[in-house]
Amino acid sequence: MTATFMPAGTVYGTLLNSQREWQHWAAQMEQPPHKGAPRAPVLYVKTANTWSACGAAISMPAGVPELEIGATVALVIRPEILMQQARSTMDCVAGYVLLNDLCVPHASYFRPPVKYRCRDGLLGIGAHLVTPQQAGDPSGLKLQVRVNGDLVQTVDFAFMRLSAAQLLAEVSEFMTLQPHDLLMLGCDVLGDGNRPRARAGDLVEISAPGRPAFGSLSNNLMAQP
């Protein structure tokens, strides 16, 4: 598939927004050094070196046998409006795009360092920017994740802790998103608290059944040359 969309701003990921992920880490939230649950959305940046177009092959980091799959949707800030002009509203959203937020597996509740999330190529980006009218209510979205054709996960955005509107409003309380920025709505985990995984040679596909405008985000994982 030929990519027709690539980010033109900063891409922000969101941790701990799925109810299941929150419950999985709840016990550790009370431990030092934080001694309490997060009071605001927990964000991180997927730097430009991580961006991979839909259909592109993604090289596995050297010495890493498998990667976590992070199927999600990101909202994209309209190019002609600043957050100050549409604070805490969805008026600033130009549309939505499928993302695969790949990550080197690690076992830690705390915000992961860049060596896990920001390796080269570790963000698959859907080919289509879907308008709010085409996407409908983001809380009604469901994503299917397939590895080599086998369904390994269904992500239901009805079970996110913060809806797209709530997440955008809370983020805008402490930072200003700029035109073209992307904000992920969060990734879900499986019942054991982990995310699906894929290895070199696998084909990872993410789709939104019932929302054909999104198309399918697909990337092959390949071993390091």
N, C-alpha and C. Protein backbone atom coordinates (compact mmCIF):
# COMPACT_ATOMS: atom_id res chain seq x y z
N MET A 1 0.84 -1.19 0.00
CA MET A 1 0.00 0.00 0.00
C MET A 1 0.88 1.24 0.00
N THR A 2 0.55 2.21 -0.80
CA THR A 2 1.28 3.46 -0.84
C THR A 2 0.79 4.38 0.28
N ALA A 3 1.73 4.85 1.08
CA ALA A 3 1.35 5.72 2.19
C ALA A 3 0.93 7.08 1.67
N THR A 4 -0.18 7.59 2.16
CA THR A 4 -0.64 8.92 1.78
C THR A 4 -0.64 9.86 2.98
N PHE A 5 -0.29 9.38 4.16
CA PHE A 5 -0.24 10.23 5.35
C PHE A 5 1.05 9.95 6.10
N MET A 6 1.73 11.00 6.49
CA MET A 6 2.85 10.92 7.42
C MET A 6 2.76 12.13 8.34
N PRO A 7 3.18 12.00 9.60
CA PRO A 7 3.08 13.12 10.53
C PRO A 7 3.88 14.32 10.07
N ALA A 8 3.36 15.50 10.41
CA ALA A 8 4.06 16.74 10.14
C ALA A 8 4.32 17.51 11.43
N GLY A 9 4.03 16.87 12.57
CA GLY A 9 4.26 17.48 13.88
C GLY A 9 4.86 16.45 14.82
N THR A 10 4.70 16.67 16.11
CA THR A 10 5.21 15.75 17.13
C THR A 10 4.17 14.67 17.40
N VAL A 11 4.65 13.44 17.59
CA VAL A 11 3.77 12.31 17.89
C VAL A 11 3.90 11.97 19.38
N TYR A 12 2.78 12.08 20.10
CA TYR A 12 2.77 11.79 21.54
C TYR A 12 2.03 10.49 21.80
N GLY A 13 2.66 9.61 22.57
CA GLY A 13 2.00 8.40 23.03
C GLY A 13 1.39 8.62 24.40
N THR A 14 0.42 7.79 24.75
CA THR A 14 -0.27 7.89 26.03
C THR A 14 -0.22 6.55 26.74
N LEU A 15 0.29 6.55 27.95
CA LEU A 15 0.36 5.34 28.77
C LEU A 15 -0.82 5.29 29.75
N LEU A 16 -1.16 4.07 30.16
CA LEU A 16 -2.11 3.84 31.26
C LEU A 16 -3.49 4.40 30.99
N ASN A 17 -3.92 4.45 29.73
CA ASN A 17 -5.27 4.94 29.47
C ASN A 17 -6.27 3.82 29.27
N SER A 18 -5.81 2.59 29.12
CA SER A 18 -6.78 1.49 29.06
C SER A 18 -7.07 1.03 30.49
N GLN A 19 -8.32 0.69 30.73
CA GLN A 19 -8.71 0.26 32.07
C GLN A 19 -7.94 -0.99 32.50
N ARG A 20 -7.71 -1.90 31.56
CA ARG A 20 -7.03 -3.14 31.91
C ARG A 20 -5.57 -2.88 32.26
N GLU A 21 -4.91 -2.00 31.51
CA GLU A 21 -3.51 -1.67 31.81
C GLU A 21 -3.40 -0.98 33.17
N TRP A 22 -4.33 -0.07 33.43
CA TRP A 22 -4.35 0.62 34.73
C TRP A 22 -4.49 -0.38 35.88
N GLN A 23 -5.42 -1.31 35.75
CA GLN A 23 -5.63 -2.30 36.80
C GLN A 23 -4.41 -3.19 36.99
N HIS A 24 -3.73 -3.49 35.89
CA HIS A 24 -2.55 -4.35 35.96
C HIS A 24 -1.44 -3.72 36.80
N TRP A 25 -1.28 -2.38 36.69
CA TRP A 25 -0.19 -1.70 37.39
C TRP A 25 -0.65 -1.00 38.66
N ALA A 26 -1.91 -1.12 39.04
CA ALA A 26 -2.46 -0.35 40.17
C ALA A 26 -1.68 -0.56 41.46
N ALA A 27 -1.28 -1.79 41.73
CA ALA A 27 -0.58 -2.07 42.99
C ALA A 27 0.76 -1.33 43.06
N GLN A 28 1.44 -1.20 41.93
CA GLN A 28 2.75 -0.55 41.94
C GLN A 28 2.63 0.98 41.99
N MET A 29 1.47 1.51 41.70
CA MET A 29 1.32 2.96 41.70
C MET A 29 1.53 3.56 43.09
N GLU A 30 1.30 2.78 44.13
CA GLU A 30 1.44 3.31 45.49
C GLU A 30 2.85 3.18 46.02
N GLN A 31 3.74 2.55 45.26
CA GLN A 31 5.10 2.33 45.73
C GLN A 31 5.99 3.55 45.43
N PRO A 32 7.13 3.67 46.14
CA PRO A 32 8.08 4.75 45.84
C PRO A 32 8.58 4.61 44.40
N PRO A 33 8.96 5.71 43.76
CA PRO A 33 9.04 7.06 44.33
C PRO A 33 7.76 7.87 44.22
N HIS A 34 6.77 7.40 43.45
CA HIS A 34 5.59 8.23 43.21
C HIS A 34 4.58 8.18 44.36
N LYS A 35 4.39 6.99 44.94
CA LYS A 35 3.48 6.80 46.07
C LYS A 35 2.08 7.31 45.77
N GLY A 36 1.60 7.02 44.59
CA GLY A 36 0.25 7.42 44.22
C GLY A 36 0.05 7.29 42.73
N ALA A 37 -1.21 7.17 42.33
CA ALA A 37 -1.54 7.04 40.92
C ALA A 37 -1.29 8.36 40.18
N PRO A 38 -1.02 8.31 38.89
CA PRO A 38 -0.85 9.55 38.12
C PRO A 38 -2.10 10.41 38.19
N ARG A 39 -1.91 11.70 38.29
CA ARG A 39 -3.03 12.64 38.36
C ARG A 39 -3.32 13.31 37.02
N ALA A 40 -2.50 13.01 36.03
CA ALA A 40 -2.67 13.57 34.69
C ALA A 40 -2.23 12.52 33.68
N PRO A 41 -2.60 12.66 32.43
CA PRO A 41 -2.16 11.69 31.43
C PRO A 41 -0.64 11.57 31.38
N VAL A 42 -0.17 10.35 31.21
CA VAL A 42 1.26 10.06 31.14
C VAL A 42 1.65 9.95 29.66
N LEU A 43 2.46 10.89 29.20
CA LEU A 43 2.79 10.97 27.78
C LEU A 43 4.27 10.66 27.53
N TYR A 44 4.57 10.31 26.30
CA TYR A 44 5.95 10.15 25.83
C TYR A 44 5.95 10.53 24.35
N VAL A 45 7.13 10.71 23.79
CA VAL A 45 7.26 11.13 22.40
C VAL A 45 7.81 9.98 21.57
N LYS A 46 7.20 9.75 20.41
CA LYS A 46 7.75 8.84 19.40
C LYS A 46 8.48 9.72 18.39
N THR A 47 9.78 9.75 18.49
CA THR A 47 10.59 10.64 17.68
C THR A 47 10.54 10.25 16.20
N ALA A 48 10.94 11.19 15.34
CA ALA A 48 10.76 11.02 13.89
C ALA A 48 11.53 9.82 13.35
N ASN A 49 12.61 9.41 14.00
CA ASN A 49 13.35 8.24 13.51
C ASN A 49 12.55 6.95 13.64
N THR A 50 11.46 6.98 14.43
CA THR A 50 10.65 5.77 14.62
C THR A 50 9.60 5.59 13.54
N TRP A 51 9.32 6.60 12.75
CA TRP A 51 8.16 6.58 11.86
C TRP A 51 8.39 5.63 10.68
N SER A 52 7.46 4.72 10.46
CA SER A 52 7.49 3.79 9.33
C SER A 52 6.16 3.87 8.60
N ALA A 53 6.21 4.06 7.29
CA ALA A 53 5.00 4.16 6.49
C ALA A 53 4.27 2.83 6.44
N CYS A 54 2.98 2.90 6.20
CA CYS A 54 2.18 1.70 6.00
C CYS A 54 2.76 0.91 4.83
N GLY A 55 2.95 -0.38 5.03
CA GLY A 55 3.51 -1.24 4.00
C GLY A 55 5.01 -1.38 4.04
N ALA A 56 5.69 -0.54 4.81
CA ALA A 56 7.16 -0.60 4.89
C ALA A 56 7.59 -1.77 5.77
N ALA A 57 8.76 -2.30 5.46
CA ALA A 57 9.37 -3.32 6.32
C ALA A 57 10.06 -2.63 7.49
N ILE A 58 9.90 -3.19 8.68
CA ILE A 58 10.49 -2.63 9.90
C ILE A 58 11.57 -3.58 10.40
N SER A 59 12.78 -3.07 10.55
CA SER A 59 13.89 -3.89 11.03
C SER A 59 13.82 -4.07 12.54
N MET A 60 14.00 -5.29 12.99
CA MET A 60 14.09 -5.56 14.42
C MET A 60 15.37 -4.94 14.97
N PRO A 61 15.32 -4.32 16.16
CA PRO A 61 16.56 -3.83 16.76
C PRO A 61 17.53 -4.99 17.00
N ALA A 62 18.80 -4.73 16.86
CA ALA A 62 19.82 -5.76 17.05
C ALA A 62 19.71 -6.37 18.44
N GLY A 63 19.71 -7.68 18.51
CA GLY A 63 19.68 -8.38 19.78
C GLY A 63 18.31 -8.48 20.42
N VAL A 64 17.27 -8.00 19.74
CA VAL A 64 15.91 -8.03 20.28
C VAL A 64 15.12 -9.10 19.53
N PRO A 65 14.69 -10.19 20.19
CA PRO A 65 14.03 -11.28 19.47
C PRO A 65 12.57 -11.02 19.12
N GLU A 66 11.90 -10.15 19.85
CA GLU A 66 10.49 -9.87 19.58
C GLU A 66 10.14 -8.47 20.05
N LEU A 67 9.03 -7.95 19.49
CA LEU A 67 8.55 -6.61 19.82
C LEU A 67 7.11 -6.67 20.30
N GLU A 68 6.76 -5.75 21.20
CA GLU A 68 5.38 -5.59 21.61
C GLU A 68 4.61 -4.80 20.55
N ILE A 69 3.39 -5.21 20.29
CA ILE A 69 2.51 -4.51 19.35
C ILE A 69 1.60 -3.59 20.14
N GLY A 70 1.55 -2.33 19.73
CA GLY A 70 0.68 -1.35 20.40
C GLY A 70 -0.31 -0.76 19.42
N ALA A 71 -1.41 -1.46 19.20
CA ALA A 71 -2.42 -0.98 18.25
C ALA A 71 -3.22 0.16 18.86
N THR A 72 -3.28 1.27 18.15
CA THR A 72 -4.02 2.41 18.68
C THR A 72 -4.45 3.33 17.55
N VAL A 73 -5.16 4.38 17.94
CA VAL A 73 -5.57 5.44 17.02
C VAL A 73 -5.07 6.75 17.62
N ALA A 74 -4.59 7.63 16.77
CA ALA A 74 -4.17 8.97 17.23
C ALA A 74 -5.06 10.02 16.61
N LEU A 75 -5.36 11.04 17.40
CA LEU A 75 -6.04 12.21 16.83
C LEU A 75 -4.98 13.17 16.31
N VAL A 76 -5.32 13.90 15.27
CA VAL A 76 -4.39 14.82 14.61
C VAL A 76 -4.95 16.23 14.73
N ILE A 77 -4.10 17.15 15.20
CA ILE A 77 -4.53 18.53 15.41
C ILE A 77 -4.63 19.26 14.07
N ARG A 78 -5.71 20.00 13.89
CA ARG A 78 -5.93 20.73 12.65
C ARG A 78 -4.81 21.72 12.38
N PRO A 79 -4.40 21.84 11.12
CA PRO A 79 -3.29 22.75 10.81
C PRO A 79 -3.63 24.22 10.93
N GLU A 80 -4.92 24.57 10.87
CA GLU A 80 -5.28 25.99 10.82
C GLU A 80 -5.76 26.52 12.16
N ILE A 81 -5.56 25.75 13.25
CA ILE A 81 -6.09 26.21 14.53
C ILE A 81 -5.10 25.87 15.64
N LEU A 82 -5.00 26.73 16.62
CA LEU A 82 -4.18 26.49 17.79
C LEU A 82 -5.07 26.06 18.94
N MET A 83 -4.48 25.29 19.86
CA MET A 83 -5.25 24.80 21.00
C MET A 83 -5.84 25.94 21.82
N GLN A 84 -5.15 27.08 21.87
CA GLN A 84 -5.69 28.20 22.65
C GLN A 84 -7.02 28.68 22.09
N GLN A 85 -7.25 28.45 20.80
CA GLN A 85 -8.48 28.91 20.16
C GLN A 85 -9.61 27.89 20.31
N ALA A 86 -9.29 26.67 20.70
CA ALA A 86 -10.32 25.65 20.82
C ALA A 86 -10.02 24.78 22.03
N ARG A 87 -9.66 25.39 23.12
CA ARG A 87 -9.20 24.69 24.30
C ARG A 87 -10.27 23.73 24.83
N SER A 88 -9.84 22.50 25.08
CA SER A 88 -10.68 21.47 25.68
C SER A 88 -11.88 21.11 24.82
N THR A 89 -11.81 21.33 23.53
CA THR A 89 -12.88 20.92 22.64
C THR A 89 -12.31 20.05 21.55
N MET A 90 -13.19 19.35 20.84
CA MET A 90 -12.76 18.51 19.73
C MET A 90 -12.73 19.28 18.42
N ASP A 91 -13.00 20.60 18.49
CA ASP A 91 -12.99 21.39 17.27
C ASP A 91 -11.62 21.44 16.61
N CYS A 92 -10.57 21.19 17.38
CA CYS A 92 -9.22 21.29 16.85
C CYS A 92 -8.75 19.99 16.19
N VAL A 93 -9.59 18.96 16.17
CA VAL A 93 -9.19 17.66 15.63
C VAL A 93 -9.47 17.60 14.13
N ALA A 94 -8.40 17.38 13.36
CA ALA A 94 -8.55 17.25 11.91
C ALA A 94 -9.01 15.85 11.52
N GLY A 95 -8.64 14.87 12.32
CA GLY A 95 -9.02 13.49 12.00
C GLY A 95 -8.24 12.50 12.84
N TYR A 96 -8.26 11.25 12.39
CA TYR A 96 -7.67 10.14 13.15
C TYR A 96 -6.86 9.26 12.20
N VAL A 97 -5.85 8.61 12.75
CA VAL A 97 -5.01 7.72 11.95
C VAL A 97 -4.64 6.49 12.78
N LEU A 98 -4.57 5.32 12.12
CA LEU A 98 -4.14 4.10 12.79
C LEU A 98 -2.65 4.16 13.07
N LEU A 99 -2.23 3.63 14.22
CA LEU A 99 -0.81 3.54 14.56
C LEU A 99 -0.51 2.19 15.17
N ASN A 100 0.72 1.72 14.94
CA ASN A 100 1.24 0.55 15.63
C ASN A 100 2.46 0.99 16.42
N ASP A 101 2.25 1.22 17.70
CA ASP A 101 3.30 1.74 18.59
C ASP A 101 4.14 0.58 19.09
N LEU A 102 5.10 0.15 18.29
CA LEU A 102 5.96 -0.97 18.64
C LEU A 102 6.93 -0.58 19.74
N CYS A 103 7.31 -1.57 20.55
CA CYS A 103 8.16 -1.29 21.70
C CYS A 103 8.97 -2.55 22.04
N VAL A 104 10.21 -2.34 22.47
CA VAL A 104 11.01 -3.44 22.99
C VAL A 104 10.41 -3.89 24.31
N PRO A 105 10.11 -5.18 24.50
CA PRO A 105 9.49 -5.64 25.74
C PRO A 105 10.33 -5.26 26.97
N HIS A 106 9.64 -4.85 28.01
CA HIS A 106 10.28 -4.50 29.26
C HIS A 106 9.24 -4.62 30.36
N ALA A 107 9.70 -4.90 31.57
CA ALA A 107 8.78 -5.08 32.69
C ALA A 107 9.00 -3.95 33.69
N SER A 108 8.28 -2.85 33.49
CA SER A 108 8.39 -1.73 34.41
C SER A 108 7.15 -0.88 34.31
N TYR A 109 6.63 -0.46 35.45
CA TYR A 109 5.48 0.45 35.48
C TYR A 109 5.89 1.86 35.10
N PHE A 110 7.14 2.21 35.41
CA PHE A 110 7.57 3.59 35.26
C PHE A 110 7.74 3.96 33.79
N ARG A 111 7.70 5.26 33.52
CA ARG A 111 7.80 5.76 32.15
C ARG A 111 9.05 5.18 31.48
N PRO A 112 8.90 4.47 30.37
CA PRO A 112 10.05 3.77 29.78
C PRO A 112 11.00 4.72 29.09
N PRO A 113 12.31 4.44 29.17
CA PRO A 113 13.28 5.29 28.48
C PRO A 113 13.22 5.10 26.98
N VAL A 114 13.86 6.02 26.27
CA VAL A 114 13.79 6.00 24.81
C VAL A 114 14.36 4.73 24.21
N LYS A 115 15.25 4.04 24.91
CA LYS A 115 15.87 2.86 24.31
C LYS A 115 14.86 1.74 24.07
N TYR A 116 13.70 1.79 24.72
CA TYR A 116 12.65 0.80 24.48
C TYR A 116 11.66 1.27 23.41
N ARG A 117 11.33 2.54 23.39
CA ARG A 117 10.24 3.03 22.54
C ARG A 117 10.71 3.76 21.29
N CYS A 118 11.92 4.26 21.27
CA CYS A 118 12.32 5.16 20.18
C CYS A 118 13.43 4.58 19.32
N ARG A 119 13.47 3.26 19.19
CA ARG A 119 14.39 2.66 18.22
C ARG A 119 13.91 2.96 16.80
N ASP A 120 14.81 2.93 15.86
CA ASP A 120 14.48 3.24 14.48
C ASP A 120 13.32 2.39 13.96
N GLY A 121 12.34 3.06 13.38
CA GLY A 121 11.25 2.36 12.70
C GLY A 121 10.11 1.86 13.54
N LEU A 122 10.14 2.06 14.86
CA LEU A 122 9.18 1.41 15.73
C LEU A 122 7.85 2.16 15.88
N LEU A 123 7.35 2.74 14.78
CA LEU A 123 6.00 3.29 14.79
C LEU A 123 5.41 3.13 13.39
N GLY A 124 4.56 2.11 13.23
CA GLY A 124 3.84 1.96 11.97
C GLY A 124 2.73 2.99 11.89
N ILE A 125 2.59 3.64 10.74
CA ILE A 125 1.65 4.75 10.59
C ILE A 125 0.66 4.43 9.47
N GLY A 126 -0.62 4.50 9.78
CA GLY A 126 -1.65 4.21 8.80
C GLY A 126 -1.59 5.15 7.61
N ALA A 127 -2.08 4.66 6.48
CA ALA A 127 -1.97 5.43 5.24
C ALA A 127 -2.98 6.56 5.14
N HIS A 128 -4.05 6.52 5.96
CA HIS A 128 -5.16 7.44 5.74
C HIS A 128 -5.46 8.29 6.97
N LEU A 129 -5.60 9.58 6.74
CA LEU A 129 -6.16 10.47 7.76
C LEU A 129 -7.68 10.44 7.59
N VAL A 130 -8.36 9.95 8.61
CA VAL A 130 -9.80 9.76 8.56
C VAL A 130 -10.48 10.94 9.24
N THR A 131 -11.41 11.56 8.57
CA THR A 131 -12.07 12.74 9.13
C THR A 131 -12.91 12.35 10.34
N PRO A 132 -13.21 13.31 11.24
CA PRO A 132 -14.09 13.00 12.36
C PRO A 132 -15.44 12.47 11.92
N GLN A 133 -15.95 12.94 10.80
CA GLN A 133 -17.24 12.46 10.31
C GLN A 133 -17.15 10.99 9.89
N GLN A 134 -16.06 10.62 9.24
CA GLN A 134 -15.87 9.23 8.83
C GLN A 134 -15.60 8.31 10.02
N ALA A 135 -14.87 8.82 11.00
CA ALA A 135 -14.49 7.99 12.15
C ALA A 135 -15.65 7.79 13.11
N GLY A 136 -16.54 8.79 13.23
CA GLY A 136 -17.59 8.71 14.23
C GLY A 136 -17.02 8.89 15.63
N ASP A 137 -17.77 8.49 16.62
CA ASP A 137 -17.34 8.60 18.01
C ASP A 137 -16.14 7.68 18.24
N PRO A 138 -14.97 8.23 18.63
CA PRO A 138 -13.81 7.37 18.85
C PRO A 138 -14.05 6.28 19.89
N SER A 139 -14.94 6.54 20.85
CA SER A 139 -15.22 5.53 21.87
C SER A 139 -15.90 4.30 21.29
N GLY A 140 -16.44 4.42 20.08
CA GLY A 140 -17.08 3.28 19.43
C GLY A 140 -16.14 2.49 18.56
N LEU A 141 -14.86 2.90 18.48
CA LEU A 141 -13.91 2.19 17.63
C LEU A 141 -13.47 0.87 18.25
N LYS A 142 -13.30 -0.12 17.40
CA LYS A 142 -12.67 -1.38 17.78
C LYS A 142 -11.61 -1.70 16.73
N LEU A 143 -10.44 -2.10 17.20
CA LEU A 143 -9.35 -2.47 16.31
C LEU A 143 -9.10 -3.97 16.41
N GLN A 144 -8.79 -4.58 15.28
CA GLN A 144 -8.36 -5.97 15.25
C GLN A 144 -6.89 -6.02 14.91
N VAL A 145 -6.14 -6.82 15.66
CA VAL A 145 -4.71 -6.99 15.44
C VAL A 145 -4.48 -8.43 14.99
N ARG A 146 -3.84 -8.57 13.85
CA ARG A 146 -3.54 -9.89 13.30
C ARG A 146 -2.04 -10.03 13.06
N VAL A 147 -1.51 -11.19 13.39
CA VAL A 147 -0.13 -11.54 13.11
C VAL A 147 -0.13 -12.75 12.19
N ASN A 148 0.39 -12.57 11.00
CA ASN A 148 0.37 -13.62 9.97
C ASN A 148 -1.05 -14.14 9.72
N GLY A 149 -2.01 -13.22 9.79
CA GLY A 149 -3.40 -13.56 9.51
C GLY A 149 -4.20 -14.02 10.70
N ASP A 150 -3.54 -14.35 11.82
CA ASP A 150 -4.24 -14.83 13.02
C ASP A 150 -4.62 -13.65 13.92
N LEU A 151 -5.88 -13.62 14.35
CA LEU A 151 -6.35 -12.58 15.26
C LEU A 151 -5.73 -12.79 16.64
N VAL A 152 -4.97 -11.80 17.12
CA VAL A 152 -4.30 -11.93 18.41
C VAL A 152 -4.83 -10.95 19.44
N GLN A 153 -5.58 -9.92 19.01
CA GLN A 153 -6.11 -8.94 19.96
C GLN A 153 -7.22 -8.14 19.32
N THR A 154 -8.21 -7.78 20.15
CA THR A 154 -9.23 -6.81 19.77
C THR A 154 -9.16 -5.67 20.77
N VAL A 155 -8.99 -4.45 20.28
CA VAL A 155 -8.89 -3.27 21.14
C VAL A 155 -10.20 -2.51 21.06
N ASP A 156 -10.89 -2.39 22.19
CA ASP A 156 -12.18 -1.71 22.25
C ASP A 156 -12.01 -0.38 22.97
N PHE A 157 -12.18 0.73 22.25
CA PHE A 157 -11.94 2.04 22.84
C PHE A 157 -13.05 2.48 23.77
N ALA A 158 -14.10 1.69 23.89
CA ALA A 158 -15.11 1.97 24.91
C ALA A 158 -14.57 1.74 26.31
N PHE A 159 -13.45 1.01 26.41
CA PHE A 159 -12.89 0.66 27.71
C PHE A 159 -11.62 1.45 28.02
N MET A 160 -11.47 2.59 27.37
CA MET A 160 -10.39 3.49 27.76
C MET A 160 -10.84 4.32 28.97
N ARG A 161 -9.91 4.66 29.83
CA ARG A 161 -10.25 5.43 31.03
C ARG A 161 -10.71 6.83 30.65
N LEU A 162 -10.01 7.46 29.72
CA LEU A 162 -10.38 8.79 29.26
C LEU A 162 -10.78 8.70 27.79
N SER A 163 -11.91 9.27 27.45
CA SER A 163 -12.31 9.34 26.05
C SER A 163 -11.37 10.29 25.31
N ALA A 164 -11.49 10.33 24.00
CA ALA A 164 -10.64 11.24 23.21
C ALA A 164 -10.82 12.69 23.68
N ALA A 165 -12.07 13.10 23.89
CA ALA A 165 -12.33 14.47 24.33
C ALA A 165 -11.76 14.74 25.71
N GLN A 166 -11.91 13.78 26.64
CA GLN A 166 -11.38 13.95 27.98
C GLN A 166 -9.86 13.98 27.98
N LEU A 167 -9.25 13.10 27.20
CA LEU A 167 -7.80 13.05 27.12
C LEU A 167 -7.25 14.37 26.58
N LEU A 168 -7.85 14.86 25.51
CA LEU A 168 -7.41 16.12 24.92
C LEU A 168 -7.56 17.27 25.90
N ALA A 169 -8.65 17.29 26.63
CA ALA A 169 -8.88 18.35 27.60
C ALA A 169 -7.85 18.31 28.73
N GLU A 170 -7.55 17.11 29.24
CA GLU A 170 -6.60 17.01 30.35
C GLU A 170 -5.18 17.32 29.90
N VAL A 171 -4.81 16.88 28.70
CA VAL A 171 -3.48 17.19 28.20
C VAL A 171 -3.33 18.70 28.02
N SER A 172 -4.37 19.36 27.55
CA SER A 172 -4.30 20.80 27.30
C SER A 172 -4.17 21.61 28.59
N GLU A 173 -4.40 20.97 29.74
CA GLU A 173 -4.24 21.66 31.01
C GLU A 173 -2.78 21.93 31.33
N PHE A 174 -1.85 21.11 30.79
CA PHE A 174 -0.45 21.30 31.15
C PHE A 174 0.47 21.48 29.94
N MET A 175 -0.04 21.37 28.72
CA MET A 175 0.79 21.62 27.54
C MET A 175 -0.09 22.03 26.38
N THR A 176 0.50 22.67 25.40
CA THR A 176 -0.22 23.13 24.22
C THR A 176 0.17 22.28 23.03
N LEU A 177 -0.79 21.54 22.49
CA LEU A 177 -0.54 20.80 21.27
C LEU A 177 -0.53 21.78 20.10
N GLN A 178 0.36 21.56 19.16
CA GLN A 178 0.53 22.43 18.02
C GLN A 178 -0.15 21.85 16.79
N PRO A 179 -0.44 22.67 15.78
CA PRO A 179 -1.00 22.15 14.53
C PRO A 179 -0.16 21.00 13.99
N HIS A 180 -0.81 19.96 13.53
CA HIS A 180 -0.22 18.76 12.94
C HIS A 180 0.26 17.74 13.99
N ASP A 181 0.25 18.09 15.28
CA ASP A 181 0.66 17.11 16.29
C ASP A 181 -0.31 15.94 16.33
N LEU A 182 0.21 14.77 16.74
CA LEU A 182 -0.60 13.57 16.93
C LEU A 182 -0.62 13.21 18.41
N LEU A 183 -1.78 12.79 18.91
CA LEU A 183 -1.93 12.33 20.29
C LEU A 183 -2.61 10.98 20.28
N MET A 184 -1.86 9.95 20.69
CA MET A 184 -2.43 8.60 20.73
C MET A 184 -3.47 8.50 21.84
N LEU A 185 -4.52 7.72 21.58
CA LEU A 185 -5.58 7.54 22.57
C LEU A 185 -5.25 6.45 23.57
N GLY A 186 -4.15 5.73 23.37
CA GLY A 186 -3.73 4.69 24.31
C GLY A 186 -3.81 3.31 23.70
N CYS A 187 -3.00 2.41 24.23
CA CYS A 187 -2.96 1.01 23.79
C CYS A 187 -3.52 0.12 24.90
N ASP A 188 -4.12 -0.98 24.52
CA ASP A 188 -4.65 -1.93 25.49
C ASP A 188 -3.66 -3.08 25.68
N VAL A 189 -3.88 -3.88 26.71
CA VAL A 189 -3.08 -5.06 26.97
C VAL A 189 -3.98 -6.29 26.95
N LEU A 190 -3.33 -7.44 26.92
CA LEU A 190 -4.07 -8.70 27.01
C LEU A 190 -4.41 -8.99 28.47
N GLY A 191 -5.09 -10.10 28.71
CA GLY A 191 -5.53 -10.42 30.06
C GLY A 191 -4.41 -10.58 31.06
N ASP A 192 -3.18 -10.94 30.57
CA ASP A 192 -2.05 -11.13 31.48
C ASP A 192 -1.27 -9.84 31.70
N GLY A 193 -1.75 -8.73 31.13
CA GLY A 193 -1.07 -7.46 31.31
C GLY A 193 -0.02 -7.15 30.26
N ASN A 194 0.25 -8.11 29.39
CA ASN A 194 1.22 -7.90 28.32
C ASN A 194 0.52 -7.52 27.02
N ARG A 195 1.29 -7.03 26.06
CA ARG A 195 0.77 -6.75 24.73
C ARG A 195 1.15 -7.89 23.80
N PRO A 196 0.40 -8.04 22.70
CA PRO A 196 0.78 -9.07 21.73
C PRO A 196 2.19 -8.83 21.23
N ARG A 197 2.86 -9.89 20.80
CA ARG A 197 4.24 -9.76 20.35
C ARG A 197 4.41 -10.35 18.96
N ALA A 198 5.44 -9.86 18.29
CA ALA A 198 5.75 -10.33 16.94
C ALA A 198 7.26 -10.44 16.81
N ARG A 199 7.68 -11.31 15.87
CA ARG A 199 9.09 -11.59 15.66
C ARG A 199 9.46 -11.31 14.21
N ALA A 200 10.74 -11.39 13.93
CA ALA A 200 11.22 -11.19 12.56
C ALA A 200 10.52 -12.19 11.64
N GLY A 201 10.07 -11.71 10.49
CA GLY A 201 9.36 -12.54 9.54
C GLY A 201 7.86 -12.45 9.65
N ASP A 202 7.35 -11.84 10.73
CA ASP A 202 5.91 -11.73 10.94
C ASP A 202 5.33 -10.54 10.18
N LEU A 203 4.09 -10.70 9.75
CA LEU A 203 3.31 -9.62 9.16
C LEU A 203 2.28 -9.17 10.19
N VAL A 204 2.35 -7.90 10.59
CA VAL A 204 1.42 -7.35 11.58
C VAL A 204 0.42 -6.46 10.84
N GLU A 205 -0.87 -6.71 11.07
CA GLU A 205 -1.93 -5.95 10.41
C GLU A 205 -2.91 -5.43 11.46
N ILE A 206 -3.28 -4.17 11.34
CA ILE A 206 -4.24 -3.54 12.25
C ILE A 206 -5.35 -2.93 11.40
N SER A 207 -6.59 -3.23 11.76
CA SER A 207 -7.73 -2.72 11.00
C SER A 207 -8.83 -2.30 11.96
N ALA A 208 -9.79 -1.54 11.43
CA ALA A 208 -10.93 -1.06 12.22
C ALA A 208 -12.20 -1.55 11.54
N PRO A 209 -12.66 -2.75 11.86
CA PRO A 209 -13.86 -3.28 11.21
C PRO A 209 -15.05 -2.33 11.35
N GLY A 210 -15.79 -2.16 10.26
CA GLY A 210 -16.92 -1.25 10.26
C GLY A 210 -16.56 0.18 9.96
N ARG A 211 -15.27 0.50 9.91
CA ARG A 211 -14.81 1.85 9.58
C ARG A 211 -13.83 1.74 8.40
N PRO A 212 -14.34 1.48 7.20
CA PRO A 212 -13.47 1.20 6.05
C PRO A 212 -12.54 2.34 5.69
N ALA A 213 -12.86 3.57 6.09
CA ALA A 213 -12.00 4.70 5.73
C ALA A 213 -10.59 4.55 6.30
N PHE A 214 -10.46 3.82 7.41
CA PHE A 214 -9.14 3.65 8.02
C PHE A 214 -8.23 2.75 7.17
N GLY A 215 -8.82 1.88 6.38
CA GLY A 215 -8.01 0.92 5.66
C GLY A 215 -7.35 -0.05 6.63
N SER A 216 -6.22 -0.62 6.23
CA SER A 216 -5.49 -1.57 7.06
C SER A 216 -4.04 -1.11 7.15
N LEU A 217 -3.52 -1.06 8.37
CA LEU A 217 -2.11 -0.74 8.60
C LEU A 217 -1.34 -2.05 8.67
N SER A 218 -0.41 -2.23 7.75
CA SER A 218 0.36 -3.47 7.72
C SER A 218 1.85 -3.18 7.62
N ASN A 219 2.63 -3.94 8.35
CA ASN A 219 4.09 -3.85 8.28
C ASN A 219 4.69 -5.23 8.51
N ASN A 220 5.69 -5.56 7.73
CA ASN A 220 6.48 -6.78 7.94
C ASN A 220 7.64 -6.46 8.86
N LEU A 221 7.91 -7.37 9.81
CA LEU A 221 9.10 -7.24 10.63
C LEU A 221 10.20 -8.09 10.00
N MET A 222 11.39 -7.51 9.95
CA MET A 222 12.51 -8.22 9.34
C MET A 222 13.72 -8.18 10.27
N ALA A 223 14.58 -9.19 10.16
CA ALA A 223 15.78 -9.23 10.96
C ALA A 223 16.73 -8.12 10.52
N GLN A 224 17.57 -7.66 11.45
CA GLN A 224 18.57 -6.66 11.12
C GLN A 224 19.49 -7.20 10.02
N PRO A 225 19.76 -6.40 9.00
CA PRO A 225 20.73 -6.84 7.99
C PRO A 225 22.09 -7.10 8.63
